[in-house]
Amino acid sequence: MDSSLLGQRIGLQIRSMRLNRGHTQAELAQLAGTTRQKLIEIEQGSLSVSMNAYARVFAALGTEVKLVPVSMPTLDDVEDLFNE
């Protein structure tokens, strides 16, 4: 997956969580200890923002990152697991 696409997807999810919790950008930025401009960059999926800034926003939203595969394995991929 292209890294810029990944950044955009994370940014959209952060924006969605912020809106679902009823926060403005300014409110969430204050909770996260960052600037509104930095939050705007995060919501736009900027790859130049530090992981620390993302982590502070995740913490302010009361959420965590969970990595999931882009696609599920096929039967051929897991076949050897059942042959042992």
PDB file of N, CA and C in Angstrom:
ATOM      1  N   MET A   1       0.849  -1.178   0.000  1.00  0.00           N
ATOM      2  CA  MET A   1       0.000   0.000   0.000  1.00  0.00           C
ATOM      3  C   MET A   1       0.889   1.233   0.000  1.00  0.00           C
ATOM      4  N   ASP A   2       0.528   2.198  -0.774  1.00  0.00           N
ATOM      5  CA  ASP A   2       1.244   3.466  -0.868  1.00  0.00           C
ATOM      6  C   ASP A   2       1.188   4.191   0.473  1.00  0.00           C
ATOM      7  N   SER A   3       2.318   4.713   0.935  1.00  0.00           N
ATOM      8  CA  SER A   3       2.368   5.363   2.247  1.00  0.00           C
ATOM      9  C   SER A   3       1.493   6.614   2.315  1.00  0.00           C
ATOM     10  N   SER A   4       1.370   7.353   1.215  1.00  0.00           N
ATOM     11  CA  SER A   4       0.515   8.544   1.251  1.00  0.00           C
ATOM     12  C   SER A   4      -0.952   8.160   1.399  1.00  0.00           C
ATOM     13  N   LEU A   5      -1.351   7.060   0.783  1.00  0.00           N
ATOM     14  CA  LEU A   5      -2.728   6.572   0.937  1.00  0.00           C
ATOM     15  C   LEU A   5      -2.976   6.146   2.378  1.00  0.00           C
ATOM     16  N   LEU A   6      -2.001   5.484   2.968  1.00  0.00           N
ATOM     17  CA  LEU A   6      -2.123   5.068   4.357  1.00  0.00           C
ATOM     18  C   LEU A   6      -2.276   6.283   5.270  1.00  0.00           C
ATOM     19  N   GLY A   7      -1.465   7.311   5.047  1.00  0.00           N
ATOM     20  CA  GLY A   7      -1.575   8.536   5.833  1.00  0.00           C
ATOM     21  C   GLY A   7      -2.944   9.179   5.703  1.00  0.00           C
ATOM     22  N   GLN A   8      -3.469   9.204   4.497  1.00  0.00           N
ATOM     23  CA  GLN A   8      -4.799   9.782   4.273  1.00  0.00           C
ATOM     24  C   GLN A   8      -5.878   8.981   4.998  1.00  0.00           C
ATOM     25  N   ARG A   9      -5.764   7.664   4.966  1.00  0.00           N
ATOM     26  CA  ARG A   9      -6.765   6.821   5.638  1.00  0.00           C
ATOM     27  C   ARG A   9      -6.739   7.021   7.143  1.00  0.00           C
ATOM     28  N   ILE A  10      -5.536   7.113   7.719  1.00  0.00           N
ATOM     29  CA  ILE A  10      -5.426   7.362   9.154  1.00  0.00           C
ATOM     30  C   ILE A  10      -5.999   8.734   9.488  1.00  0.00           C
ATOM     31  N   GLY A  11      -5.667   9.737   8.681  1.00  0.00           N
ATOM     32  CA  GLY A  11      -6.184  11.082   8.906  1.00  0.00           C
ATOM     33  C   GLY A  11      -7.700  11.138   8.877  1.00  0.00           C
ATOM     34  N   LEU A  12      -8.302  10.443   7.921  1.00  0.00           N
ATOM     35  CA  LEU A  12      -9.765  10.417   7.828  1.00  0.00           C
ATOM     36  C   LEU A  12     -10.384   9.731   9.038  1.00  0.00           C
ATOM     37  N   GLN A  13      -9.740   8.683   9.523  1.00  0.00           N
ATOM     38  CA  GLN A  13     -10.260   7.997  10.708  1.00  0.00           C
ATOM     39  C   GLN A  13     -10.161   8.882  11.944  1.00  0.00           C
ATOM     40  N   ILE A  14      -9.058   9.612  12.071  1.00  0.00           N
ATOM     41  CA  ILE A  14      -8.916  10.532  13.199  1.00  0.00           C
ATOM     42  C   ILE A  14      -9.984  11.614  13.127  1.00  0.00           C
ATOM     43  N   ARG A  15     -10.198  12.170  11.943  1.00  0.00           N
ATOM     44  CA  ARG A  15     -11.218  13.203  11.778  1.00  0.00           C
ATOM     45  C   ARG A  15     -12.594  12.662  12.143  1.00  0.00           C
ATOM     46  N   SER A  16     -12.903  11.462  11.681  1.00  0.00           N
ATOM     47  CA  SER A  16     -14.190  10.842  11.977  1.00  0.00           C
ATOM     48  C   SER A  16     -14.368  10.636  13.484  1.00  0.00           C
ATOM     49  N   MET A  17     -13.324  10.160  14.160  1.00  0.00           N
ATOM     50  CA  MET A  17     -13.408   9.970  15.617  1.00  0.00           C
ATOM     51  C   MET A  17     -13.602  11.299  16.331  1.00  0.00           C
ATOM     52  N   ARG A  18     -12.897  12.321  15.880  1.00  0.00           N
ATOM     53  CA  ARG A  18     -13.032  13.654  16.483  1.00  0.00           C
ATOM     54  C   ARG A  18     -14.464  14.150  16.357  1.00  0.00           C
ATOM     55  N   LEU A  19     -15.020  14.041  15.159  1.00  0.00           N
ATOM     56  CA  LEU A  19     -16.388  14.505  14.932  1.00  0.00           C
ATOM     57  C   LEU A  19     -17.400  13.684  15.722  1.00  0.00           C
ATOM     58  N   ASN A  20     -17.196  12.378  15.792  1.00  0.00           N
ATOM     59  CA  ASN A  20     -18.106  11.513  16.557  1.00  0.00           C
ATOM     60  C   ASN A  20     -18.105  11.845  18.039  1.00  0.00           C
ATOM     61  N   ARG A  21     -16.981  12.346  18.526  1.00  0.00           N
ATOM     62  CA  ARG A  21     -16.877  12.719  19.939  1.00  0.00           C
ATOM     63  C   ARG A  21     -17.294  14.178  20.175  1.00  0.00           C
ATOM     64  N   GLY A  22     -17.628  14.885  19.096  1.00  0.00           N
ATOM     65  CA  GLY A  22     -18.126  16.250  19.204  1.00  0.00           C
ATOM     66  C   GLY A  22     -17.066  17.304  19.461  1.00  0.00           C
ATOM     67  N   HIS A  23     -15.808  16.995  19.112  1.00  0.00           N
ATOM     68  CA  HIS A  23     -14.720  17.961  19.321  1.00  0.00           C
ATOM     69  C   HIS A  23     -14.486  18.799  18.074  1.00  0.00           C
ATOM     70  N   THR A  24     -14.146  20.060  18.289  1.00  0.00           N
ATOM     71  CA  THR A  24     -13.631  20.876  17.199  1.00  0.00           C
ATOM     72  C   THR A  24     -12.149  20.548  17.063  1.00  0.00           C
ATOM     73  N   GLN A  25     -11.545  21.009  15.981  1.00  0.00           N
ATOM     74  CA  GLN A  25     -10.106  20.809  15.830  1.00  0.00           C
ATOM     75  C   GLN A  25      -9.346  21.500  16.956  1.00  0.00           C
ATOM     76  N   ALA A  26      -9.772  22.685  17.324  1.00  0.00           N
ATOM     77  CA  ALA A  26      -9.098  23.429  18.387  1.00  0.00           C
ATOM     78  C   ALA A  26      -9.188  22.687  19.719  1.00  0.00           C
ATOM     79  N   GLU A  27     -10.358  22.122  20.014  1.00  0.00           N
ATOM     80  CA  GLU A  27     -10.521  21.389  21.274  1.00  0.00           C
ATOM     81  C   GLU A  27      -9.633  20.148  21.317  1.00  0.00           C
ATOM     82  N   LEU A  28      -9.632  19.376  20.243  1.00  0.00           N
ATOM     83  CA  LEU A  28      -8.814  18.168  20.233  1.00  0.00           C
ATOM     84  C   LEU A  28      -7.335  18.512  20.267  1.00  0.00           C
ATOM     85  N   ALA A  29      -6.940  19.540  19.559  1.00  0.00           N
ATOM     86  CA  ALA A  29      -5.538  19.959  19.580  1.00  0.00           C
ATOM     87  C   ALA A  29      -5.117  20.317  21.002  1.00  0.00           C
ATOM     88  N   GLN A  30      -5.964  21.026  21.716  1.00  0.00           N
ATOM     89  CA  GLN A  30      -5.648  21.392  23.096  1.00  0.00           C
ATOM     90  C   GLN A  30      -5.548  20.144  23.971  1.00  0.00           C
ATOM     91  N   LEU A  31      -6.483  19.207  23.828  1.00  0.00           N
ATOM     92  CA  LEU A  31      -6.435  17.961  24.595  1.00  0.00           C
ATOM     93  C   LEU A  31      -5.165  17.166  24.312  1.00  0.00           C
ATOM     94  N   ALA A  32      -4.712  17.233  23.072  1.00  0.00           N
ATOM     95  CA  ALA A  32      -3.533  16.473  22.648  1.00  0.00           C
ATOM     96  C   ALA A  32      -2.231  17.218  22.916  1.00  0.00           C
ATOM     97  N   GLY A  33      -2.321  18.470  23.322  1.00  0.00           N
ATOM     98  CA  GLY A  33      -1.118  19.250  23.569  1.00  0.00           C
ATOM     99  C   GLY A  33      -0.361  19.598  22.303  1.00  0.00           C
ATOM    100  N   THR A  34      -1.114  19.892  21.269  1.00  0.00           N
ATOM    101  CA  THR A  34      -0.513  20.265  19.992  1.00  0.00           C
ATOM    102  C   THR A  34      -1.242  21.480  19.437  1.00  0.00           C
ATOM    103  N   THR A  35      -0.851  21.935  18.281  1.00  0.00           N
ATOM    104  CA  THR A  35      -1.515  23.088  17.678  1.00  0.00           C
ATOM    105  C   THR A  35      -2.643  22.620  16.751  1.00  0.00           C
ATOM    106  N   ARG A  36      -3.561  23.525  16.490  1.00  0.00           N
ATOM    107  CA  ARG A  36      -4.636  23.224  15.545  1.00  0.00           C
ATOM    108  C   ARG A  36      -4.051  22.947  14.165  1.00  0.00           C
ATOM    109  N   GLN A  37      -3.036  23.704  13.779  1.00  0.00           N
ATOM    110  CA  GLN A  37      -2.402  23.497  12.471  1.00  0.00           C
ATOM    111  C   GLN A  37      -1.820  22.090  12.361  1.00  0.00           C
ATOM    112  N   LYS A  38      -1.195  21.604  13.441  1.00  0.00           N
ATOM    113  CA  LYS A  38      -0.624  20.257  13.430  1.00  0.00           C
ATOM    114  C   LYS A  38      -1.749  19.221  13.296  1.00  0.00           C
ATOM    115  N   LEU A  39      -2.864  19.454  13.978  1.00  0.00           N
ATOM    116  CA  LEU A  39      -3.998  18.535  13.865  1.00  0.00           C
ATOM    117  C   LEU A  39      -4.555  18.544  12.446  1.00  0.00           C
ATOM    118  N   ILE A  40      -4.615  19.690  11.820  1.00  0.00           N
ATOM    119  CA  ILE A  40      -5.063  19.774  10.433  1.00  0.00           C
ATOM    120  C   ILE A  40      -4.152  18.927   9.544  1.00  0.00           C
ATOM    121  N   GLU A  41      -2.846  19.044   9.752  1.00  0.00           N
ATOM    122  CA  GLU A  41      -1.903  18.241   8.973  1.00  0.00           C
ATOM    123  C   GLU A  41      -2.128  16.751   9.198  1.00  0.00           C
ATOM    124  N   ILE A  42      -2.380  16.360  10.444  1.00  0.00           N
ATOM    125  CA  ILE A  42      -2.637  14.950  10.762  1.00  0.00           C
ATOM    126  C   ILE A  42      -3.900  14.478  10.058  1.00  0.00           C
ATOM    127  N   GLU A  43      -4.969  15.266  10.138  1.00  0.00           N
ATOM    128  CA  GLU A  43      -6.229  14.870   9.498  1.00  0.00           C
ATOM    129  C   GLU A  43      -6.101  14.820   7.977  1.00  0.00           C
ATOM    130  N   GLN A  44      -5.158  15.563   7.422  1.00  0.00           N
ATOM    131  CA  GLN A  44      -4.923  15.517   5.978  1.00  0.00           C
ATOM    132  C   GLN A  44      -3.976  14.385   5.588  1.00  0.00           C
ATOM    133  N   GLY A  45      -3.450  13.683   6.590  1.00  0.00           N
ATOM    134  CA  GLY A  45      -2.584  12.548   6.311  1.00  0.00           C
ATOM    135  C   GLY A  45      -1.153  12.898   6.006  1.00  0.00           C
ATOM    136  N   SER A  46      -0.687  14.025   6.512  1.00  0.00           N
ATOM    137  CA  SER A  46       0.685  14.453   6.256  1.00  0.00           C
ATOM    138  C   SER A  46       1.683  13.423   6.782  1.00  0.00           C
ATOM    139  N   LEU A  47       2.647  13.075   5.943  1.00  0.00           N
ATOM    140  CA  LEU A  47       3.679  12.115   6.333  1.00  0.00           C
ATOM    141  C   LEU A  47       4.840  12.800   7.042  1.00  0.00           C
ATOM    142  N   SER A  48       4.833  14.129   7.109  1.00  0.00           N
ATOM    143  CA  SER A  48       5.925  14.852   7.760  1.00  0.00           C
ATOM    144  C   SER A  48       5.670  15.077   9.247  1.00  0.00           C
ATOM    145  N   VAL A  49       4.493  14.713   9.741  1.00  0.00           N
ATOM    146  CA  VAL A  49       4.163  14.883  11.154  1.00  0.00           C
ATOM    147  C   VAL A  49       4.781  13.730  11.940  1.00  0.00           C
ATOM    148  N   SER A  50       5.327  14.039  13.105  1.00  0.00           N
ATOM    149  CA  SER A  50       5.995  13.013  13.904  1.00  0.00           C
ATOM    150  C   SER A  50       5.008  11.980  14.446  1.00  0.00           C
ATOM    151  N   MET A  51       5.524  10.797  14.687  1.00  0.00           N
ATOM    152  CA  MET A  51       4.700   9.738  15.273  1.00  0.00           C
ATOM    153  C   MET A  51       4.253  10.152  16.676  1.00  0.00           C
ATOM    154  N   ASN A  52       5.079  10.931  17.354  1.00  0.00           N
ATOM    155  CA  ASN A  52       4.727  11.414  18.685  1.00  0.00           C
ATOM    156  C   ASN A  52       3.460  12.272  18.635  1.00  0.00           C
ATOM    157  N   ALA A  53       3.332  13.118  17.626  1.00  0.00           N
ATOM    158  CA  ALA A  53       2.134  13.954  17.492  1.00  0.00           C
ATOM    159  C   ALA A  53       0.901  13.084  17.247  1.00  0.00           C
ATOM    160  N   TYR A  54       1.056  12.078  16.370  1.00  0.00           N
ATOM    161  CA  TYR A  54      -0.053  11.145  16.142  1.00  0.00           C
ATOM    162  C   TYR A  54      -0.424  10.444  17.450  1.00  0.00           C
ATOM    163  N   ALA A  55       0.576   9.999  18.207  1.00  0.00           N
ATOM    164  CA  ALA A  55       0.327   9.282  19.462  1.00  0.00           C
ATOM    165  C   ALA A  55      -0.429  10.156  20.461  1.00  0.00           C
ATOM    166  N   ARG A  56      -0.074  11.440  20.537  1.00  0.00           N
ATOM    167  CA  ARG A  56      -0.774  12.343  21.457  1.00  0.00           C
ATOM    168  C   ARG A  56      -2.242  12.509  21.052  1.00  0.00           C
ATOM    169  N   VAL A  57      -2.501  12.568  19.745  1.00  0.00           N
ATOM    170  CA  VAL A  57      -3.885  12.688  19.267  1.00  0.00           C
ATOM    171  C   VAL A  57      -4.656  11.404  19.560  1.00  0.00           C
ATOM    172  N   PHE A  58      -4.031  10.249  19.317  1.00  0.00           N
ATOM    173  CA  PHE A  58      -4.693   8.973  19.639  1.00  0.00           C
ATOM    174  C   PHE A  58      -5.040   8.924  21.125  1.00  0.00           C
ATOM    175  N   ALA A  59      -4.107   9.321  21.979  1.00  0.00           N
ATOM    176  CA  ALA A  59      -4.344   9.302  23.422  1.00  0.00           C
ATOM    177  C   ALA A  59      -5.479  10.258  23.799  1.00  0.00           C
ATOM    178  N   ALA A  60      -5.505  11.441  23.202  1.00  0.00           N
ATOM    179  CA  ALA A  60      -6.562  12.412  23.492  1.00  0.00           C
ATOM    180  C   ALA A  60      -7.932  11.891  23.069  1.00  0.00           C
ATOM    181  N   LEU A  61      -7.951  11.065  22.027  1.00  0.00           N
ATOM    182  CA  LEU A  61      -9.213  10.468  21.569  1.00  0.00           C
ATOM    183  C   LEU A  61      -9.568   9.204  22.358  1.00  0.00           C
ATOM    184  N   GLY A  62      -8.651   8.750  23.192  1.00  0.00           N
ATOM    185  CA  GLY A  62      -8.894   7.529  23.965  1.00  0.00           C
ATOM    186  C   GLY A  62      -8.920   6.303  23.080  1.00  0.00           C
ATOM    187  N   THR A  63      -8.015   6.251  22.122  1.00  0.00           N
ATOM    188  CA  THR A  63      -8.002   5.153  21.160  1.00  0.00           C
ATOM    189  C   THR A  63      -6.581   4.647  20.985  1.00  0.00           C
ATOM    190  N   GLU A  64      -6.429   3.570  20.272  1.00  0.00           N
ATOM    191  CA  GLU A  64      -5.111   3.023  19.975  1.00  0.00           C
ATOM    192  C   GLU A  64      -5.073   2.566  18.533  1.00  0.00           C
ATOM    193  N   VAL A  65      -3.893   2.274  18.067  1.00  0.00           N
ATOM    194  CA  VAL A  65      -3.706   1.818  16.693  1.00  0.00           C
ATOM    195  C   VAL A  65      -3.698   0.300  16.681  1.00  0.00           C
ATOM    196  N   LYS A  66      -4.417  -0.261  15.744  1.00  0.00           N
ATOM    197  CA  LYS A  66      -4.421  -1.702  15.555  1.00  0.00           C
ATOM    198  C   LYS A  66      -4.082  -1.960  14.094  1.00  0.00           C
ATOM    199  N   LEU A  67      -3.057  -2.754  13.867  1.00  0.00           N
ATOM    200  CA  LEU A  67      -2.651  -3.064  12.504  1.00  0.00           C
ATOM    201  C   LEU A  67      -3.380  -4.316  12.026  1.00  0.00           C
ATOM    202  N   VAL A  68      -3.927  -4.220  10.836  1.00  0.00           N
ATOM    203  CA  VAL A  68      -4.617  -5.359  10.236  1.00  0.00           C
ATOM    204  C   VAL A  68      -4.076  -5.565   8.826  1.00  0.00           C
ATOM    205  N   PRO A  69      -4.071  -6.801   8.370  1.00  0.00           N
ATOM    206  CA  PRO A  69      -3.567  -7.027   7.013  1.00  0.00           C
ATOM    207  C   PRO A  69      -4.464  -6.361   5.975  1.00  0.00           C
ATOM    208  N   VAL A  70      -3.845  -5.959   4.884  1.00  0.00           N
ATOM    209  CA  VAL A  70      -4.587  -5.331   3.799  1.00  0.00           C
ATOM    210  C   VAL A  70      -5.563  -6.330   3.190  1.00  0.00           C
ATOM    211  N   SER A  71      -5.142  -7.580   3.109  1.00  0.00           N
ATOM    212  CA  SER A  71      -6.029  -8.610   2.583  1.00  0.00           C
ATOM    213  C   SER A  71      -5.897  -9.861   3.437  1.00  0.00           C
ATOM    214  N   MET A  72      -6.918 -10.649   3.432  1.00  0.00           N
ATOM    215  CA  MET A  72      -6.917 -11.894   4.197  1.00  0.00           C
ATOM    216  C   MET A  72      -6.132 -12.949   3.427  1.00  0.00           C
ATOM    217  N   PRO A  73      -5.482 -13.884   4.150  1.00  0.00           N
ATOM    218  CA  PRO A  73      -4.753 -14.944   3.455  1.00  0.00           C
ATOM    219  C   PRO A  73      -5.717 -15.850   2.692  1.00  0.00           C
ATOM    220  N   THR A  74      -5.212 -16.421   1.624  1.00  0.00           N
ATOM    221  CA  THR A  74      -6.016 -17.369   0.849  1.00  0.00           C
ATOM    222  C   THR A  74      -5.866 -18.764   1.443  1.00  0.00           C
ATOM    223  N   LEU A  75      -6.660 -19.680   0.978  1.00  0.00           N
ATOM    224  CA  LEU A  75      -6.539 -21.072   1.433  1.00  0.00           C
ATOM    225  C   LEU A  75      -5.157 -21.629   1.115  1.00  0.00           C
ATOM    226  N   ASP A  76      -4.625 -21.276  -0.031  1.00  0.00           N
ATOM    227  CA  ASP A  76      -3.281 -21.721  -0.392  1.00  0.00           C
ATOM    228  C   ASP A  76      -2.239 -21.209   0.599  1.00  0.00           C
ATOM    229  N   ASP A  77      -2.433 -20.005   1.107  1.00  0.00           N
ATOM    230  CA  ASP A  77      -1.500 -19.414   2.057  1.00  0.00           C
ATOM    231  C   ASP A  77      -1.470 -20.161   3.377  1.00  0.00           C
ATOM    232  N   VAL A  78      -2.604 -20.693   3.803  1.00  0.00           N
ATOM    233  CA  VAL A  78      -2.687 -21.360   5.109  1.00  0.00           C
ATOM    234  C   VAL A  78      -2.735 -22.875   5.028  1.00  0.00           C
ATOM    235  N   GLU A  79      -2.689 -23.421   3.841  1.00  0.00           N
ATOM    236  CA  GLU A  79      -2.799 -24.859   3.658  1.00  0.00           C
ATOM    237  C   GLU A  79      -1.793 -25.636   4.499  1.00  0.00           C
ATOM    238  N   ASP A  80      -0.547 -25.190   4.555  1.00  0.00           N
ATOM    239  CA  ASP A  80       0.489 -25.892   5.301  1.00  0.00           C
ATOM    240  C   ASP A  80       0.216 -25.951   6.789  1.00  0.00           C
ATOM    241  N   LEU A  81      -0.557 -25.038   7.310  1.00  0.00           N
ATOM    242  CA  LEU A  81      -0.892 -25.058   8.728  1.00  0.00           C
ATOM    243  C   LEU A  81      -1.703 -26.284   9.121  1.00  0.00           C
ATOM    244  N   PHE A  82      -2.482 -26.793   8.185  1.00  0.00           N
ATOM    245  CA  PHE A  82      -3.372 -27.908   8.471  1.00  0.00           C
ATOM    246  C   PHE A  82      -2.788 -29.261   8.072  1.00  0.00           C
ATOM    247  N   ASN A  83      -1.633 -29.261   7.447  1.00  0.00           N
ATOM    248  CA  ASN A  83      -1.011 -30.499   6.998  1.00  0.00           C
ATOM    249  C   ASN A  83      -0.022 -31.057   8.008  1.00  0.00           C
ATOM    250  N   GLU A  84       0.184 -30.395   9.116  1.00  0.00           N
ATOM    251  CA  GLU A  84       1.176 -30.857  10.088  1.00  0.00           C
ATOM    252  C   GLU A  84       0.628 -31.859  11.030  1.00  0.00           C
TER     253      GLU A  84
END
